[in-house]
Amino acid sequence: MRYFITFIICIAFISVSSCRKDFTTIPNFGSLAFSKDTIFLDTVFTNIGSATYNLKVYNRGNNSITIPEIKLENGTSSNYRLNVDGIPGKEFTEIDILANDSIYVFVETTIDVSNIPNPLYTDRILFDTGSNQQDVDLVTLVQDANFIFPGRDAISMKIDSLTLDGTPTSIQGRFLTDAELTFTNTKPTVIYGYAAVPANNTLTIEAGAKVHFHNNSGLIVDDKASLKVNGTLTEKVVFEGDRLENGFSNISGQWGAIWMRAGSKDNEIYHAQIKNGIIGILIDSIGSPSTPTLKLQNTEIYNHSNFGILARETNIEAHNVVIGSAGQASLAATIGGTYNFTHSTFANYWNNSLRQLPAVIVNNFFVYNNDAGEEITETRDLKAANFTNCIFDGNNNIEFVLDKVEGSLFNYTISNCLIQFNDSNDSFTDTAELDFTNATFYQDIILNGFSNFRDTQNEDFIIGEESDLINKAKTTTFSLDILGVDRTSSPDIGAYQHITFD
């Protein structure tokens, strides 16, 4: 018992000592300095929490001070939340700052747009009172949105997962209802988990629509289903993550993929931007040589942590397509299939990690282990890999590879294209498919030419007047470039006609 009483006394002494202020202060006299006078919390979706922003509050004086009060002007009803020097709340008293020292104030918000009169929501952090009062403004733009998210079991709280081909999966999400099969431009659409288009249905996305995906979310076009993205030159459809802060505008891997499963059909994507995911388009659907599984036109696919497009034994018909940075390849056309790309720019200047693959790789095989653990390689027909007036460029020495395994068709034609291919290690010397002098497969190739892109680090692949691509394309039926510029006469290679840079 004696030891227990001694222990309690020690604890009490430590508690009193830890609360004791071992420095003296004077009242704040209105001379605080701030790291910023306004905190812009960027744009948030209704009822979705913002990122956390910080404000540094400085005492530049030679005396330690006490701020008698720090609070939000709108008080406890404010939609902002504060954390002052490690303490959460909306009102604070007796906050000390040592001489020539500072404290942090962290700010975040969650706002229901239906409860505010103006989507531009503001408040102020007030420091002190009376003549010593100073303030920092808070500003947030709130967007209303249509939210699509999976259900949750009321008892276990487990989030619903998709059943595909009759088999339950671990993919969180659900199939879209009939009422959800049109995404309009009236409000952004925000998707949590994977939204799947059911068989024998079509998801139509109207011009100007914006589709935002949460982390680990995406879009699935199921067997016998279709996707129609109807953007226009002036009203593009945008697919990106749901973090609207400026700091997330160029962060890859924020969401999953647009996945066109085997059996999906008649997919069309026109005038779209697809950016900042893991895979821009994952397309597994086995098509026919005569009917494309995906028609892709006037579309930009940027900044994906794995692939811009990962195609597996499918049929893609594309023109005026720009596929930029990706952690592995801009375009991987694999396991055979049919691929026809015209006036397209593949420019992979990924700089977030070491990239092992070229900007474009085409093959006719896949590898797997059988039940005995043996590695098996199977081939599929590459019915066509036709690239006309295209650019294969990037920050690797080799940005275009045809990878053939004997045992199936391997048909390809590359004409009027620029190819970055500097085989300094002679790794492909004996690869017949990469003999650029073979006129049967390669016509009018510009090897290791100068593209003269305007700004590769910002995914701006418009070419300038010093480009080797000017007037080097063959005439096709695609008489307008991706920006609507006429290329009927003297067309340039790639998705853009050249301009004069400022």
Foldseek 3Di string as FASTA:
>chain_A
DVVVVVVVVVVVVVVVVVPDDPFDAAAQQQPKDKPDQEDEQEEAEAQDKGDKDKMKIWQAAQGKYWFAKKAKPVGPPDQKWKAKQNRTDGMDGGDIAGHGGITMMMMMGHHHVVPDPAQWDKIWIWTHDDPSIDIGIYTYGYFYAAEFAFDADPPVRHADFDQAPNHTDPFGHDEDDPVQLEFEQPGEYEYETEYEHDAPEEREYEFQHEYAYAQAYYYEYGANYEYHYHYDLVGAYEYYHNRRDPVQPQAAARYAEYEYAARQADYEHERYEFERHQEHYEYEHADDQVGFRYEYELYEFERYAAEPYEYANGAYAYELYEFEAYQEEPYEAEQAHHYHYEQAEQEHADDPDDYDHANYEYEFWDWDADPVRDIDIDGHANPEDEYFLYEQYYDDQFHYYYDYDPDYHDYYAYELYEGRHDPVVCPCVPPPVPPCVPCVRYYQYHYNFAQQFDDRVVSGRAHAPVGPFWLRGDADPPQAASNRHGQRDGHGRHRHHYDHDD
